[in-house]
Every structure is written in C-alpha cells, then in structure tokens.
Amino acid sequence: MPLPEIDFLELNMLSCLGHSPNGLVYEVLDRDRIRRIVKFPGTAWERQLHLEFDGVPGVMPLLARVRHADSPGVMMPRGDTDLHERLRVGDRFPATILVPVARAIDAIHQRGFLHRDVHPGNFIMWEGAWYLIDFGLSRDFSAGFRCDNGSHAVIRFAA
C-alpha cells in the first residue's frame, strides 16, 4: 500500500532535532496530535533507501511521505528512547535487542546494502521493540568494495 503524502506546513513543528549535510530532522505533532519524526534526507539516495527499507523487519517503519517546497521527506514514529540513552543512564545492555538488530542488519545486507553507521544511537525503542534508523551513510555493496589500502580484496560482510 502506498504511503500517504502530507504537506509539512500541515504539521505542528515542535523542534529541530538535528541538521547536517545528511539532512534535517524535526519533531512534530501530526494531525492527530501525536509526536512524530520528520526527516528531510540530505540526498535523494538516502530518501530512496528509506522507501526501499520500509517494511523490512527491524527497520523503523515509515508513516508518510512529507513534502515541503522542493524537499521531499519521510515521517516516522517518535521512538521512546535510543540504546545510547539506555546505556548512558546505567541500564544493562538489553539482550533482547540482539536478535532484532541482527535480523535488521541481515535484511539490509540481503538487499545488497551496507548500513555503515551501526551504533547505539541508531537503535530506537518504539512500542516495546527495537528498530534501526539512519541510512545516510549506507552504500550498495552488491558488487563488493575495494579496501581503502588499494588491495583487491572484496568485503562480503560488514555492518
């Protein structure tokens, strides 16, 4: 089923959570007054990856496409916390995250992509489950990569 499309101006912006060459991220209230995240990726590549990975188990689902002027974006749920914050406040590493995280990374690899930015801040808990986010550094590795040292080795697996 295609994602609904929403005009950014119809949303109530609460705050800008981040801005960089990789894009803009806002916390908003949607039409139903539910907190959501809107990301305007810095590249068409990242936006395409968000759409391609939508529905992949363990990847944060998309709720809508968002348009604002010439900047297409995506809307996602606002998670409850991230793994970095959980560890920062002294929580033990939740073993329950390992299987969904491994499955999400494997599903992305099965599609021929490498995330390249796997760290605790990119795992978000939402409604009791863990999800992978942020595909700004992801690359297609279906043909393999050359190592940075100039060798002809091919990397077949990496997170």
N, C-alpha and C. Protein backbone atom coordinates (compact mmCIF):
# COMPACT_ATOMS: atom_id res chain seq x y z
N MET A 1 0.85 -1.17 0.00
CA MET A 1 0.00 0.00 0.00
C MET A 1 0.90 1.24 0.00
N PRO A 2 0.63 2.19 -0.90
CA PRO A 2 1.48 3.39 -0.95
C PRO A 2 1.32 4.25 0.30
N LEU A 3 2.39 4.92 0.64
CA LEU A 3 2.36 5.81 1.80
C LEU A 3 1.54 7.06 1.50
N PRO A 4 0.78 7.55 2.48
CA PRO A 4 0.09 8.83 2.28
C PRO A 4 1.11 9.96 2.16
N GLU A 5 0.72 11.05 1.53
CA GLU A 5 1.59 12.21 1.41
C GLU A 5 1.01 13.36 2.21
N ILE A 6 1.87 14.01 2.99
CA ILE A 6 1.46 15.09 3.88
C ILE A 6 2.29 16.33 3.58
N ASP A 7 1.64 17.50 3.60
CA ASP A 7 2.37 18.76 3.46
C ASP A 7 2.95 19.12 4.82
N PHE A 8 4.24 19.43 4.86
CA PHE A 8 4.92 19.76 6.11
C PHE A 8 4.24 20.92 6.83
N LEU A 9 3.66 21.85 6.08
CA LEU A 9 3.02 23.02 6.70
C LEU A 9 1.74 22.65 7.45
N GLU A 10 1.21 21.45 7.22
CA GLU A 10 0.04 20.99 7.96
C GLU A 10 0.40 20.41 9.33
N LEU A 11 1.70 20.26 9.58
CA LEU A 11 2.17 19.68 10.84
C LEU A 11 2.56 20.80 11.80
N ASN A 12 2.54 20.50 13.08
CA ASN A 12 2.94 21.47 14.10
C ASN A 12 4.37 21.13 14.51
N MET A 13 5.34 21.95 14.08
CA MET A 13 6.74 21.67 14.39
C MET A 13 7.01 21.99 15.85
N LEU A 14 7.57 21.03 16.57
CA LEU A 14 7.93 21.21 17.98
C LEU A 14 9.38 21.64 18.12
N SER A 15 10.28 20.98 17.39
CA SER A 15 11.70 21.35 17.48
C SER A 15 12.48 20.75 16.32
N CYS A 16 13.62 21.36 16.06
CA CYS A 16 14.58 20.81 15.11
C CYS A 16 15.54 19.96 15.93
N LEU A 17 15.56 18.66 15.68
CA LEU A 17 16.40 17.75 16.45
C LEU A 17 17.81 17.65 15.89
N GLY A 18 17.97 17.99 14.64
CA GLY A 18 19.29 17.91 14.05
C GLY A 18 19.33 18.45 12.64
N HIS A 19 20.46 19.02 12.28
CA HIS A 19 20.67 19.46 10.90
C HIS A 19 22.14 19.28 10.56
N SER A 20 22.37 18.74 9.39
CA SER A 20 23.73 18.49 8.92
C SER A 20 23.65 18.32 7.41
N PRO A 21 24.79 18.11 6.77
CA PRO A 21 24.74 17.81 5.33
C PRO A 21 23.92 16.56 5.03
N ASN A 22 23.73 15.70 6.05
CA ASN A 22 22.93 14.49 5.87
C ASN A 22 21.44 14.73 5.98
N GLY A 23 21.03 15.97 6.27
CA GLY A 23 19.61 16.27 6.29
C GLY A 23 19.15 17.01 7.52
N LEU A 24 17.84 17.21 7.57
CA LEU A 24 17.17 17.89 8.69
C LEU A 24 16.21 16.91 9.35
N VAL A 25 16.15 16.96 10.69
CA VAL A 25 15.25 16.10 11.44
C VAL A 25 14.44 16.96 12.39
N TYR A 26 13.11 16.82 12.32
CA TYR A 26 12.21 17.60 13.16
C TYR A 26 11.34 16.68 14.00
N GLU A 27 11.00 17.17 15.19
CA GLU A 27 9.93 16.54 15.97
C GLU A 27 8.69 17.37 15.70
N VAL A 28 7.59 16.70 15.36
CA VAL A 28 6.36 17.39 15.00
C VAL A 28 5.17 16.73 15.71
N LEU A 29 4.06 17.45 15.70
CA LEU A 29 2.77 16.85 16.05
C LEU A 29 2.02 16.65 14.75
N ASP A 30 1.50 15.43 14.54
CA ASP A 30 0.75 15.19 13.31
C ASP A 30 -0.68 15.71 13.48
N ARG A 31 -1.51 15.44 12.50
CA ARG A 31 -2.90 15.93 12.51
C ARG A 31 -3.68 15.42 13.72
N ASP A 32 -3.28 14.24 14.23
CA ASP A 32 -3.95 13.65 15.40
C ASP A 32 -3.27 14.03 16.71
N ARG A 33 -2.33 14.98 16.64
CA ARG A 33 -1.60 15.49 17.81
C ARG A 33 -0.70 14.41 18.44
N ILE A 34 -0.18 13.54 17.60
CA ILE A 34 0.76 12.51 18.04
C ILE A 34 2.16 12.95 17.63
N ARG A 35 3.12 12.81 18.56
CA ARG A 35 4.51 13.18 18.25
C ARG A 35 5.09 12.23 17.21
N ARG A 36 5.71 12.83 16.20
CA ARG A 36 6.32 12.07 15.11
C ARG A 36 7.68 12.68 14.79
N ILE A 37 8.45 11.98 13.98
CA ILE A 37 9.71 12.48 13.47
C ILE A 37 9.56 12.67 11.97
N VAL A 38 10.01 13.83 11.49
CA VAL A 38 10.07 14.07 10.05
C VAL A 38 11.53 14.28 9.68
N LYS A 39 11.98 13.52 8.70
CA LYS A 39 13.35 13.66 8.22
C LYS A 39 13.33 14.08 6.76
N PHE A 40 14.08 15.14 6.48
CA PHE A 40 14.34 15.55 5.11
C PHE A 40 15.78 15.14 4.81
N PRO A 41 15.97 13.97 4.19
CA PRO A 41 17.34 13.49 3.94
C PRO A 41 18.13 14.47 3.09
N GLY A 42 19.43 14.51 3.33
CA GLY A 42 20.31 15.41 2.59
C GLY A 42 20.53 14.98 1.16
N THR A 43 20.20 13.72 0.84
CA THR A 43 20.40 13.23 -0.52
C THR A 43 19.18 12.43 -0.97
N ALA A 44 18.97 12.42 -2.27
CA ALA A 44 17.90 11.60 -2.84
C ALA A 44 18.19 10.12 -2.58
N TRP A 45 19.48 9.77 -2.53
CA TRP A 45 19.89 8.38 -2.25
C TRP A 45 19.32 7.91 -0.91
N GLU A 46 19.52 8.71 0.15
CA GLU A 46 19.03 8.30 1.47
C GLU A 46 17.52 8.21 1.48
N ARG A 47 16.85 9.17 0.86
CA ARG A 47 15.39 9.12 0.82
C ARG A 47 14.93 7.84 0.13
N GLN A 48 15.59 7.47 -0.97
CA GLN A 48 15.23 6.25 -1.67
C GLN A 48 15.45 5.02 -0.79
N LEU A 49 16.53 5.03 0.00
CA LEU A 49 16.78 3.90 0.89
C LEU A 49 15.70 3.79 1.96
N HIS A 50 15.26 4.93 2.51
CA HIS A 50 14.17 4.89 3.49
C HIS A 50 12.95 4.21 2.88
N LEU A 51 12.63 4.57 1.65
CA LEU A 51 11.46 3.99 0.99
C LEU A 51 11.69 2.51 0.68
N GLU A 52 12.90 2.16 0.25
CA GLU A 52 13.21 0.77 -0.07
C GLU A 52 13.18 -0.13 1.16
N PHE A 53 13.64 0.39 2.30
CA PHE A 53 13.71 -0.42 3.52
C PHE A 53 12.42 -0.39 4.32
N ASP A 54 11.44 0.40 3.91
CA ASP A 54 10.17 0.44 4.64
C ASP A 54 9.54 -0.95 4.58
N GLY A 55 9.16 -1.45 5.73
CA GLY A 55 8.56 -2.78 5.81
C GLY A 55 9.57 -3.88 6.12
N VAL A 56 10.86 -3.55 6.12
CA VAL A 56 11.88 -4.53 6.49
C VAL A 56 11.80 -4.73 8.00
N PRO A 57 11.67 -5.97 8.47
CA PRO A 57 11.60 -6.20 9.92
C PRO A 57 12.82 -5.61 10.63
N GLY A 58 12.56 -4.87 11.69
CA GLY A 58 13.63 -4.27 12.48
C GLY A 58 14.07 -2.90 12.00
N VAL A 59 13.52 -2.42 10.89
CA VAL A 59 13.81 -1.07 10.41
C VAL A 59 12.60 -0.20 10.77
N MET A 60 12.86 0.99 11.32
CA MET A 60 11.77 1.88 11.73
C MET A 60 10.82 2.10 10.55
N PRO A 61 9.53 1.80 10.73
CA PRO A 61 8.58 1.94 9.63
C PRO A 61 8.30 3.40 9.29
N LEU A 62 7.94 3.63 8.04
CA LEU A 62 7.53 4.96 7.60
C LEU A 62 6.02 5.08 7.74
N LEU A 63 5.58 6.29 8.09
CA LEU A 63 4.15 6.55 8.22
C LEU A 63 3.60 7.34 7.04
N ALA A 64 4.46 8.17 6.43
CA ALA A 64 4.01 9.02 5.33
C ALA A 64 5.21 9.61 4.60
N ARG A 65 4.95 10.05 3.38
CA ARG A 65 5.90 10.91 2.67
C ARG A 65 5.53 12.33 3.06
N VAL A 66 6.52 13.18 3.19
CA VAL A 66 6.28 14.57 3.57
C VAL A 66 6.86 15.46 2.49
N ARG A 67 6.11 16.47 2.10
CA ARG A 67 6.63 17.41 1.10
C ARG A 67 6.69 18.80 1.70
N HIS A 68 7.73 19.52 1.32
CA HIS A 68 7.88 20.92 1.72
C HIS A 68 8.72 21.60 0.65
N ALA A 69 8.10 22.48 -0.10
CA ALA A 69 8.76 23.13 -1.23
C ALA A 69 9.34 22.03 -2.13
N ASP A 70 10.63 22.08 -2.40
CA ASP A 70 11.26 21.07 -3.25
C ASP A 70 11.98 20.00 -2.45
N SER A 71 11.70 19.91 -1.16
CA SER A 71 12.40 18.97 -0.29
C SER A 71 11.48 17.82 0.13
N PRO A 72 11.62 16.66 -0.50
CA PRO A 72 10.81 15.52 -0.07
C PRO A 72 11.39 14.90 1.20
N GLY A 73 10.50 14.48 2.08
CA GLY A 73 10.93 13.87 3.33
C GLY A 73 10.07 12.67 3.67
N VAL A 74 10.32 12.12 4.85
CA VAL A 74 9.56 10.97 5.34
C VAL A 74 9.18 11.20 6.80
N MET A 75 8.04 10.63 7.19
CA MET A 75 7.58 10.70 8.58
C MET A 75 7.68 9.31 9.20
N MET A 76 8.19 9.28 10.43
CA MET A 76 8.33 8.03 11.18
C MET A 76 7.76 8.21 12.57
N PRO A 77 7.54 7.11 13.28
CA PRO A 77 7.14 7.23 14.68
C PRO A 77 8.24 7.90 15.50
N ARG A 78 7.84 8.56 16.56
CA ARG A 78 8.82 9.10 17.52
C ARG A 78 9.05 8.00 18.54
N GLY A 79 10.25 7.49 18.58
CA GLY A 79 10.56 6.40 19.50
C GLY A 79 10.56 6.85 20.95
N ASP A 80 10.59 5.87 21.83
CA ASP A 80 10.58 6.15 23.27
C ASP A 80 11.97 6.52 23.78
N THR A 81 13.00 5.84 23.28
CA THR A 81 14.38 6.09 23.70
C THR A 81 15.30 5.44 22.67
N ASP A 82 16.59 5.76 22.75
CA ASP A 82 17.55 5.04 21.92
C ASP A 82 18.48 4.23 22.82
N LEU A 83 19.20 3.31 22.23
CA LEU A 83 20.06 2.43 23.00
C LEU A 83 21.18 3.21 23.68
N HIS A 84 21.68 4.25 23.04
CA HIS A 84 22.73 5.08 23.65
C HIS A 84 22.25 5.67 24.97
N GLU A 85 21.04 6.20 24.98
CA GLU A 85 20.48 6.79 26.20
C GLU A 85 20.27 5.73 27.27
N ARG A 86 19.77 4.57 26.88
CA ARG A 86 19.56 3.49 27.85
C ARG A 86 20.87 3.10 28.53
N LEU A 87 21.94 3.02 27.75
CA LEU A 87 23.25 2.65 28.31
C LEU A 87 23.83 3.80 29.14
N ARG A 88 23.57 5.04 28.71
CA ARG A 88 24.10 6.21 29.41
C ARG A 88 23.55 6.32 30.83
N VAL A 89 22.29 6.00 31.02
CA VAL A 89 21.69 6.11 32.34
C VAL A 89 21.96 4.89 33.21
N GLY A 90 22.79 3.99 32.72
CA GLY A 90 23.22 2.87 33.54
C GLY A 90 22.47 1.58 33.33
N ASP A 91 21.53 1.55 32.41
CA ASP A 91 20.85 0.28 32.13
C ASP A 91 21.85 -0.71 31.55
N ARG A 92 21.64 -1.97 31.85
CA ARG A 92 22.46 -3.01 31.24
C ARG A 92 22.06 -3.16 29.78
N PHE A 93 22.99 -3.66 28.99
CA PHE A 93 22.69 -3.88 27.58
C PHE A 93 21.55 -4.88 27.48
N PRO A 94 20.44 -4.49 26.85
CA PRO A 94 19.30 -5.41 26.78
C PRO A 94 19.55 -6.53 25.77
N ALA A 95 19.70 -7.74 26.26
CA ALA A 95 19.96 -8.89 25.38
C ALA A 95 18.86 -9.07 24.35
N THR A 96 17.66 -8.61 24.67
CA THR A 96 16.54 -8.76 23.75
C THR A 96 16.73 -7.97 22.46
N ILE A 97 17.69 -7.05 22.43
CA ILE A 97 17.92 -6.26 21.22
C ILE A 97 18.72 -7.04 20.18
N LEU A 98 19.49 -8.04 20.61
CA LEU A 98 20.42 -8.70 19.70
C LEU A 98 19.76 -9.35 18.49
N VAL A 99 18.70 -10.11 18.70
CA VAL A 99 18.06 -10.81 17.58
C VAL A 99 17.42 -9.83 16.60
N PRO A 100 16.59 -8.86 17.05
CA PRO A 100 16.01 -7.95 16.07
C PRO A 100 17.05 -7.10 15.35
N VAL A 101 18.10 -6.70 16.06
CA VAL A 101 19.16 -5.91 15.44
C VAL A 101 19.87 -6.74 14.37
N ALA A 102 20.23 -7.96 14.71
CA ALA A 102 20.90 -8.82 13.74
C ALA A 102 20.02 -9.09 12.53
N ARG A 103 18.73 -9.29 12.76
CA ARG A 103 17.81 -9.54 11.64
C ARG A 103 17.68 -8.31 10.74
N ALA A 104 17.61 -7.12 11.34
CA ALA A 104 17.50 -5.90 10.54
C ALA A 104 18.75 -5.71 9.68
N ILE A 105 19.91 -5.88 10.28
CA ILE A 105 21.16 -5.72 9.53
C ILE A 105 21.26 -6.78 8.44
N ASP A 106 20.90 -8.01 8.76
CA ASP A 106 20.93 -9.08 7.76
C ASP A 106 19.97 -8.79 6.60
N ALA A 107 18.77 -8.29 6.91
CA ALA A 107 17.80 -7.99 5.86
C ALA A 107 18.32 -6.90 4.92
N ILE A 108 19.01 -5.92 5.48
CA ILE A 108 19.59 -4.86 4.65
C ILE A 108 20.70 -5.45 3.78
N HIS A 109 21.53 -6.30 4.37
CA HIS A 109 22.60 -6.95 3.60
C HIS A 109 22.02 -7.83 2.50
N GLN A 110 20.93 -8.54 2.79
CA GLN A 110 20.30 -9.39 1.77
C GLN A 110 19.82 -8.58 0.57
N ARG A 111 19.55 -7.30 0.79
CA ARG A 111 19.14 -6.41 -0.30
C ARG A 111 20.34 -5.77 -0.99
N GLY A 112 21.55 -6.12 -0.52
CA GLY A 112 22.77 -5.63 -1.17
C GLY A 112 23.29 -4.31 -0.64
N PHE A 113 22.89 -3.93 0.58
CA PHE A 113 23.32 -2.65 1.13
C PHE A 113 24.09 -2.83 2.42
N LEU A 114 24.95 -1.88 2.69
CA LEU A 114 25.76 -1.83 3.91
C LEU A 114 25.37 -0.57 4.66
N HIS A 115 24.96 -0.67 5.92
CA HIS A 115 24.50 0.48 6.71
C HIS A 115 25.62 1.47 6.98
N ARG A 116 26.75 1.02 7.44
CA ARG A 116 27.97 1.79 7.70
C ARG A 116 27.88 2.77 8.87
N ASP A 117 26.82 2.74 9.66
CA ASP A 117 26.71 3.66 10.79
C ASP A 117 25.98 2.98 11.95
N VAL A 118 26.33 1.72 12.20
CA VAL A 118 25.68 0.97 13.27
C VAL A 118 26.31 1.36 14.60
N HIS A 119 25.53 2.00 15.46
CA HIS A 119 25.97 2.38 16.81
C HIS A 119 24.73 2.53 17.68
N PRO A 120 24.88 2.57 19.00
CA PRO A 120 23.71 2.58 19.89
C PRO A 120 22.71 3.70 19.63
N GLY A 121 23.16 4.85 19.16
CA GLY A 121 22.23 5.95 18.89
C GLY A 121 21.31 5.70 17.71
N ASN A 122 21.63 4.72 16.88
CA ASN A 122 20.80 4.43 15.71
C ASN A 122 19.87 3.24 15.92
N PHE A 123 19.68 2.85 17.19
CA PHE A 123 18.68 1.85 17.53
C PHE A 123 17.68 2.50 18.47
N ILE A 124 16.43 2.54 18.04
CA ILE A 124 15.36 3.24 18.74
C ILE A 124 14.33 2.23 19.24
N MET A 125 13.92 2.40 20.50
CA MET A 125 12.83 1.58 21.01
C MET A 125 11.52 2.32 20.76
N TRP A 126 10.56 1.59 20.21
CA TRP A 126 9.23 2.14 19.96
C TRP A 126 8.23 1.01 20.19
N GLU A 127 7.27 1.29 21.04
CA GLU A 127 6.21 0.33 21.38
C GLU A 127 6.79 -1.03 21.76
N GLY A 128 7.87 -1.00 22.56
CA GLY A 128 8.44 -2.22 23.11
C GLY A 128 9.36 -3.01 22.20
N ALA A 129 9.62 -2.51 21.00
CA ALA A 129 10.52 -3.20 20.07
C ALA A 129 11.65 -2.26 19.64
N TRP A 130 12.78 -2.84 19.22
CA TRP A 130 13.94 -2.06 18.78
C TRP A 130 13.97 -1.97 17.26
N TYR A 131 14.33 -0.77 16.76
CA TYR A 131 14.37 -0.52 15.32
C TYR A 131 15.65 0.19 14.93
N LEU A 132 16.16 -0.13 13.75
CA LEU A 132 17.32 0.52 13.17
C LEU A 132 16.86 1.75 12.40
N ILE A 133 17.63 2.85 12.51
CA ILE A 133 17.33 4.09 11.79
C ILE A 133 18.59 4.59 11.09
N ASP A 134 18.46 5.67 10.34
CA ASP A 134 19.55 6.48 9.77
C ASP A 134 20.36 5.74 8.71
N PHE A 135 19.98 5.97 7.47
CA PHE A 135 20.64 5.31 6.35
C PHE A 135 21.49 6.26 5.52
N GLY A 136 21.87 7.40 6.12
CA GLY A 136 22.62 8.43 5.40
C GLY A 136 23.98 7.99 4.89
N LEU A 137 24.62 7.04 5.56
CA LEU A 137 25.94 6.57 5.12
C LEU A 137 25.88 5.23 4.39
N SER A 138 24.69 4.71 4.20
CA SER A 138 24.53 3.39 3.57
C SER A 138 25.02 3.40 2.13
N ARG A 139 25.53 2.25 1.71
CA ARG A 139 26.03 2.10 0.34
C ARG A 139 25.61 0.75 -0.22
N ASP A 140 25.51 0.72 -1.54
CA ASP A 140 25.25 -0.52 -2.26
C ASP A 140 26.55 -1.32 -2.28
N PHE A 141 26.53 -2.52 -1.76
CA PHE A 141 27.74 -3.33 -1.78
C PHE A 141 27.53 -4.64 -2.53
N SER A 142 26.51 -4.71 -3.36
CA SER A 142 26.22 -5.96 -4.05
C SER A 142 27.37 -6.40 -4.96
N ALA A 143 28.17 -5.45 -5.44
CA ALA A 143 29.32 -5.80 -6.28
C ALA A 143 30.60 -5.89 -5.46
N GLY A 144 30.51 -5.68 -4.14
CA GLY A 144 31.69 -5.70 -3.28
C GLY A 144 32.35 -4.33 -3.22
N PHE A 145 33.34 -4.20 -2.36
CA PHE A 145 34.09 -2.96 -2.19
C PHE A 145 35.57 -3.27 -2.34
N ARG A 146 36.30 -2.30 -2.80
CA ARG A 146 37.76 -2.39 -2.72
C ARG A 146 38.16 -1.85 -1.36
N CYS A 147 39.15 -2.43 -0.76
CA CYS A 147 39.66 -1.95 0.51
C CYS A 147 40.35 -0.61 0.31
N ASP A 148 40.33 0.25 1.32
CA ASP A 148 40.95 1.56 1.24
C ASP A 148 42.46 1.51 1.03
N ASN A 149 43.09 0.40 1.34
CA ASN A 149 44.55 0.32 1.22
C ASN A 149 44.99 -0.03 -0.20
N GLY A 150 44.05 -0.06 -1.14
CA GLY A 150 44.40 -0.31 -2.53
C GLY A 150 44.44 -1.77 -2.93
N SER A 151 44.24 -2.67 -1.97
CA SER A 151 44.26 -4.09 -2.32
C SER A 151 43.01 -4.44 -3.12
N HIS A 152 42.99 -5.62 -3.65
CA HIS A 152 41.84 -6.05 -4.44
C HIS A 152 40.91 -6.96 -3.66
N ALA A 153 41.03 -6.94 -2.34
CA ALA A 153 40.15 -7.76 -1.51
C ALA A 153 38.72 -7.28 -1.65
N VAL A 154 37.79 -8.19 -1.56
CA VAL A 154 36.38 -7.84 -1.64
C VAL A 154 35.75 -8.12 -0.28
N ILE A 155 35.08 -7.14 0.24
CA ILE A 155 34.41 -7.28 1.53
C ILE A 155 33.03 -7.86 1.27
N ARG A 156 32.74 -9.01 1.84
CA ARG A 156 31.44 -9.66 1.64
C ARG A 156 30.47 -9.40 2.79
N PHE A 157 30.98 -9.03 3.95
CA PHE A 157 30.08 -8.82 5.07
C PHE A 157 30.67 -7.80 6.02
N ALA A 158 29.88 -6.84 6.38
CA ALA A 158 30.21 -5.84 7.39
C ALA A 158 28.92 -5.14 7.75
N ALA A 159 28.84 -4.61 8.95
CA ALA A 159 27.61 -3.95 9.37
C ALA A 159 27.57 -2.55 8.80
